[in-house]
Structures are given as structure tokens and as C-alpha cells.
N, C-alpha and C. Protein backbone atom coordinates (compact mmCIF):
# COMPACT_ATOMS: atom_id res chain seq x y z
N MET A 1 -63.11 -58.61 98.43
CA MET A 1 -63.39 -59.45 99.75
C MET A 1 -62.56 -60.46 100.10
N SER A 2 -62.19 -60.73 101.40
CA SER A 2 -61.20 -61.50 101.81
C SER A 2 -61.73 -62.30 103.24
N VAL A 3 -61.14 -63.48 103.33
CA VAL A 3 -61.37 -64.22 104.63
C VAL A 3 -59.85 -64.33 105.08
N TYR A 4 -59.66 -64.04 106.50
CA TYR A 4 -58.39 -64.14 106.94
C TYR A 4 -58.42 -65.03 108.20
N VAL A 5 -57.22 -65.43 108.41
CA VAL A 5 -57.02 -66.36 109.66
C VAL A 5 -55.66 -65.92 110.25
N ASP A 6 -55.78 -65.61 111.66
CA ASP A 6 -54.47 -65.07 112.24
C ASP A 6 -53.64 -66.24 112.67
N ASP A 7 -52.60 -66.02 113.38
CA ASP A 7 -51.57 -67.01 113.88
C ASP A 7 -52.55 -67.76 115.05
N ALA A 8 -52.08 -69.00 115.03
CA ALA A 8 -52.68 -70.03 116.11
C ALA A 8 -51.96 -69.66 117.44
N VAL A 9 -52.39 -68.57 118.06
CA VAL A 9 -51.67 -68.25 119.25
C VAL A 9 -52.23 -68.39 120.58
N VAL A 10 -53.69 -68.89 120.64
CA VAL A 10 -54.34 -68.96 121.84
C VAL A 10 -54.22 -70.50 122.25
N LEU A 11 -53.63 -70.74 123.25
CA LEU A 11 -53.56 -72.09 123.96
C LEU A 11 -54.84 -72.48 124.64
N TRP A 12 -55.54 -73.59 124.30
CA TRP A 12 -56.83 -73.87 125.09
C TRP A 12 -57.05 -75.48 124.73
N ARG A 13 -57.39 -76.08 126.05
CA ARG A 13 -57.64 -77.45 125.81
C ARG A 13 -56.49 -78.17 125.13
N GLY A 14 -55.29 -77.92 125.30
CA GLY A 14 -54.20 -78.52 124.66
C GLY A 14 -53.83 -78.44 123.09
N GLN A 15 -54.60 -77.48 122.67
CA GLN A 15 -54.36 -77.03 121.29
C GLN A 15 -54.27 -75.55 121.10
N ARG A 16 -53.55 -75.15 119.96
CA ARG A 16 -53.41 -73.82 119.55
C ARG A 16 -54.52 -73.50 118.65
N TRP A 17 -55.17 -72.20 119.04
CA TRP A 17 -56.29 -71.66 118.39
C TRP A 17 -56.05 -70.66 117.59
N ALA A 18 -56.66 -70.31 116.46
CA ALA A 18 -56.52 -68.97 115.58
C ALA A 18 -57.93 -68.48 115.48
N HIS A 19 -58.06 -67.35 114.86
CA HIS A 19 -59.26 -66.63 114.59
C HIS A 19 -59.59 -66.64 113.13
N LEU A 20 -60.80 -66.94 112.70
CA LEU A 20 -61.18 -66.94 111.24
C LEU A 20 -62.05 -65.65 111.16
N MET A 21 -61.77 -64.63 110.39
CA MET A 21 -62.44 -63.43 110.11
C MET A 21 -62.64 -63.14 108.69
N ALA A 22 -63.46 -62.16 108.50
CA ALA A 22 -63.81 -61.77 106.94
C ALA A 22 -64.30 -60.47 106.82
N ASP A 23 -64.18 -59.86 105.65
CA ASP A 23 -64.57 -58.66 105.38
C ASP A 23 -66.14 -58.53 105.62
N THR A 24 -66.80 -59.59 105.22
CA THR A 24 -68.28 -59.62 105.45
C THR A 24 -68.74 -60.88 106.35
N LEU A 25 -69.84 -60.73 106.88
CA LEU A 25 -70.46 -61.88 107.55
C LEU A 25 -70.80 -62.99 106.62
N VAL A 26 -71.23 -62.59 105.50
CA VAL A 26 -71.68 -63.57 104.44
C VAL A 26 -70.44 -64.35 104.18
N GLU A 27 -69.43 -63.79 103.90
CA GLU A 27 -68.01 -64.54 103.49
C GLU A 27 -67.68 -65.38 104.69
N LEU A 28 -67.58 -64.76 105.76
CA LEU A 28 -67.26 -65.41 106.96
C LEU A 28 -68.05 -66.94 107.21
N HIS A 29 -69.41 -66.68 107.26
CA HIS A 29 -70.23 -67.82 107.33
C HIS A 29 -70.02 -69.05 106.25
N ALA A 30 -70.06 -68.53 105.05
CA ALA A 30 -69.76 -69.37 103.94
C ALA A 30 -68.55 -70.06 103.98
N PHE A 31 -67.38 -69.52 104.27
CA PHE A 31 -66.01 -70.09 104.61
C PHE A 31 -66.05 -71.03 105.64
N ALA A 32 -66.59 -70.70 106.79
CA ALA A 32 -66.70 -71.48 107.93
C ALA A 32 -67.44 -72.85 107.64
N ALA A 33 -68.61 -72.72 106.78
CA ALA A 33 -69.26 -74.03 106.42
C ALA A 33 -68.38 -74.86 105.50
N GLN A 34 -67.65 -74.20 104.57
CA GLN A 34 -66.60 -75.02 103.69
C GLN A 34 -65.83 -75.74 104.58
N LEU A 35 -65.25 -75.27 105.63
CA LEU A 35 -64.36 -75.89 106.77
C LEU A 35 -65.01 -77.06 107.60
N GLY A 36 -66.47 -76.94 107.38
CA GLY A 36 -67.04 -77.79 108.24
C GLY A 36 -67.34 -77.44 109.84
N ILE A 37 -67.22 -76.10 109.77
CA ILE A 37 -67.50 -75.52 111.21
C ILE A 37 -68.95 -75.19 111.36
N PRO A 38 -69.57 -75.48 112.40
CA PRO A 38 -71.07 -75.35 112.54
C PRO A 38 -71.37 -73.93 112.84
N ARG A 39 -72.57 -73.37 112.42
CA ARG A 39 -72.85 -71.93 112.74
C ARG A 39 -73.06 -71.77 114.31
N ARG A 40 -73.19 -72.75 114.88
CA ARG A 40 -73.42 -72.54 116.44
C ARG A 40 -72.06 -72.05 117.07
N ALA A 41 -70.84 -72.25 116.34
CA ALA A 41 -69.53 -72.07 116.84
C ALA A 41 -69.15 -70.51 116.50
N PHE A 42 -70.15 -69.79 115.85
CA PHE A 42 -69.86 -68.41 115.53
C PHE A 42 -69.87 -67.65 116.83
N GLN A 43 -68.79 -66.77 116.90
CA GLN A 43 -68.69 -65.88 118.00
C GLN A 43 -68.86 -64.43 117.55
N ASN A 44 -69.86 -63.72 118.40
CA ASN A 44 -70.18 -62.32 117.88
C ASN A 44 -70.31 -61.57 119.37
N LYS A 45 -69.13 -61.61 120.05
CA LYS A 45 -69.06 -61.01 121.14
C LYS A 45 -68.17 -59.85 121.24
N THR A 46 -67.63 -59.18 122.24
CA THR A 46 -66.81 -58.09 122.19
C THR A 46 -65.67 -58.07 121.57
N SER A 47 -65.14 -59.35 121.31
CA SER A 47 -63.79 -59.72 120.47
C SER A 47 -64.24 -59.53 118.99
N GLY A 48 -65.37 -59.40 118.62
CA GLY A 48 -65.79 -59.23 117.13
C GLY A 48 -66.18 -60.47 116.60
N ALA A 49 -66.71 -60.30 115.37
CA ALA A 49 -67.23 -61.49 114.62
C ALA A 49 -66.35 -62.38 114.22
N HIS A 50 -66.19 -63.81 114.57
CA HIS A 50 -65.22 -64.73 114.31
C HIS A 50 -65.58 -66.17 114.57
N TYR A 51 -64.77 -66.99 113.93
CA TYR A 51 -64.86 -68.36 114.45
C TYR A 51 -63.49 -68.66 115.08
N ASP A 52 -63.31 -69.56 116.14
CA ASP A 52 -62.12 -70.01 116.55
C ASP A 52 -61.90 -71.28 115.68
N VAL A 53 -60.53 -71.33 115.28
CA VAL A 53 -60.25 -72.77 114.53
C VAL A 53 -58.76 -73.30 115.03
N PRO A 54 -58.88 -74.61 115.29
CA PRO A 54 -57.55 -75.10 115.78
C PRO A 54 -56.60 -75.14 114.73
N ALA A 55 -55.28 -75.15 115.14
CA ALA A 55 -54.15 -74.98 114.12
C ALA A 55 -54.23 -75.76 112.85
N ALA A 56 -54.57 -77.03 113.03
CA ALA A 56 -54.82 -77.97 111.79
C ALA A 56 -55.84 -77.40 110.94
N LEU A 57 -56.86 -76.94 111.50
CA LEU A 57 -57.99 -76.36 110.45
C LEU A 57 -57.41 -74.88 109.93
N ARG A 58 -56.67 -74.34 110.68
CA ARG A 58 -56.23 -73.08 110.03
C ARG A 58 -55.24 -73.39 108.82
N GLU A 59 -54.62 -74.48 108.74
CA GLU A 59 -53.86 -74.78 107.64
C GLU A 59 -54.80 -75.12 106.40
N GLN A 60 -55.78 -75.91 106.60
CA GLN A 60 -56.88 -76.23 105.77
C GLN A 60 -57.53 -74.90 105.07
N ALA A 61 -57.64 -73.80 106.15
CA ALA A 61 -58.34 -72.76 105.73
C ALA A 61 -57.44 -71.75 104.78
N ILE A 62 -56.05 -72.09 105.01
CA ILE A 62 -55.10 -71.20 104.06
C ILE A 62 -55.21 -71.94 102.74
N ALA A 63 -55.29 -73.29 102.83
CA ALA A 63 -55.21 -74.17 101.53
C ALA A 63 -56.47 -73.64 100.70
N LEU A 64 -57.56 -73.40 101.42
CA LEU A 64 -58.82 -73.06 100.67
C LEU A 64 -58.91 -71.47 100.30
N GLY A 65 -57.78 -70.74 100.66
CA GLY A 65 -57.83 -69.42 100.18
C GLY A 65 -57.72 -68.30 101.10
N ALA A 66 -57.83 -68.56 102.51
CA ALA A 66 -57.82 -67.58 103.53
C ALA A 66 -56.31 -67.15 103.46
N VAL A 67 -56.47 -65.68 103.94
CA VAL A 67 -55.34 -64.89 103.89
C VAL A 67 -54.47 -65.05 105.22
N PRO A 68 -53.42 -65.66 105.46
CA PRO A 68 -52.89 -65.87 106.78
C PRO A 68 -52.34 -64.39 107.23
N ILE A 69 -52.47 -64.10 108.34
CA ILE A 69 -52.32 -63.00 109.00
C ILE A 69 -51.59 -63.11 110.21
N SER A 70 -50.60 -62.44 110.63
CA SER A 70 -49.79 -62.51 111.85
C SER A 70 -49.86 -61.35 112.81
N ARG A 71 -50.32 -61.65 113.93
CA ARG A 71 -50.62 -60.59 114.99
C ARG A 71 -49.27 -59.89 115.30
N HIS A 72 -48.14 -60.53 114.95
CA HIS A 72 -46.85 -59.85 115.22
C HIS A 72 -46.42 -58.93 114.01
N ARG A 73 -46.43 -59.53 112.77
CA ARG A 73 -45.84 -58.91 111.53
C ARG A 73 -46.89 -57.90 110.79
N ASP A 74 -48.16 -58.33 111.01
CA ASP A 74 -49.32 -57.49 110.33
C ASP A 74 -50.09 -56.61 111.13
N ARG A 75 -49.59 -56.02 112.26
CA ARG A 75 -50.31 -55.33 113.14
C ARG A 75 -51.33 -54.45 112.77
N ASP A 76 -50.97 -53.59 111.90
CA ASP A 76 -51.91 -52.61 111.38
C ASP A 76 -53.07 -53.33 110.55
N LEU A 77 -52.73 -54.26 109.82
CA LEU A 77 -53.81 -55.11 109.15
C LEU A 77 -54.74 -55.58 110.06
N VAL A 78 -54.13 -56.53 110.98
CA VAL A 78 -54.83 -57.16 112.07
C VAL A 78 -55.73 -56.18 112.78
N ARG A 79 -55.36 -54.98 113.17
CA ARG A 79 -56.27 -54.07 113.86
C ARG A 79 -57.39 -53.56 113.01
N ALA A 80 -57.14 -53.48 111.90
CA ALA A 80 -58.14 -53.13 110.88
C ALA A 80 -59.45 -54.17 110.70
N ILE A 81 -58.72 -55.49 110.57
CA ILE A 81 -59.75 -56.52 110.42
C ILE A 81 -60.54 -56.80 111.77
N ILE A 82 -59.75 -56.58 112.86
CA ILE A 82 -60.40 -56.71 114.03
C ILE A 82 -61.49 -55.61 114.40
N ARG A 83 -61.25 -54.33 113.88
CA ARG A 83 -62.24 -53.15 113.87
C ARG A 83 -63.57 -53.60 113.04
N GLN A 84 -63.26 -54.29 111.91
CA GLN A 84 -64.17 -54.70 110.97
C GLN A 84 -65.17 -55.52 111.73
N ALA A 85 -64.33 -56.61 112.32
CA ALA A 85 -65.04 -57.66 112.93
C ALA A 85 -65.98 -57.25 114.05
N LYS A 86 -65.47 -56.28 114.90
CA LYS A 86 -66.07 -55.70 115.96
C LYS A 86 -67.47 -54.93 115.48
N ALA A 87 -67.26 -54.19 114.38
CA ALA A 87 -68.49 -53.44 113.80
C ALA A 87 -69.34 -54.26 113.20
N GLN A 88 -68.99 -55.60 112.70
CA GLN A 88 -70.02 -56.56 112.25
C GLN A 88 -70.75 -57.17 113.32
N GLY A 89 -69.98 -57.47 114.55
CA GLY A 89 -70.49 -57.93 115.70
C GLY A 89 -71.53 -57.10 116.34
N ARG A 90 -71.42 -55.82 116.44
CA ARG A 90 -72.41 -54.86 116.96
C ARG A 90 -73.62 -54.86 116.07
N GLY A 91 -73.32 -55.14 114.78
CA GLY A 91 -74.51 -55.04 113.79
C GLY A 91 -75.31 -56.15 113.90
N GLY A 92 -75.03 -57.47 114.51
CA GLY A 92 -75.78 -58.66 114.48
C GLY A 92 -75.11 -59.43 113.25
N SER A 93 -75.73 -60.62 113.23
CA SER A 93 -75.36 -61.54 112.21
C SER A 93 -76.56 -61.89 111.22
N PRO A 94 -76.25 -61.90 109.81
CA PRO A 94 -77.30 -62.23 108.99
C PRO A 94 -77.55 -63.73 109.01
């Protein structure tokens, strides 16, 4: 089981943001809590189950063991993780 954080590619409110995703929702919520991200920040929409994290927090996530993934270099892996996140999103959140 793994937690993943993609490239900080989305520019919003003057910061670059990344997506924190995981193989399971249990892992995702536990890891987000470790980073100090409140549960209310959980996104369970059409983009799939994830948390948005600013670039600085992305680096902290990697230091804590999140697997860095690149939307450019790891396209197949990213697609598989997003498919899983979308399936989790449709299934609701525990």
C-alpha cells in the first residue's frame, strides 16, 4: 500500500499545488492527518479521492514516505492511481 503525491503543477492563489492520493482511503486520511491537513479538505469529486497540498507540504509528504510521481514521466502509473482515486470517490469515504 502506498501514498502518492504528484508534481506541484496547479497554480492557484499564488502557489503551486499537488495532489495527495493513496491506494486506500484509510491510508489517504491517515497520511493527510500526519501532514496536519484537516479532513474537511478531502476532495471526493469527479477528479477522484485526494487532498490538494501546496508545494512546500508536498516536500514534507515525500520526507514522510509519500511516493513522488510525475504527470509527465510516470503517465501510466498516474493514470492507474487516478483511476483508483475515482473508484474510491464513487464508493464514498469511510
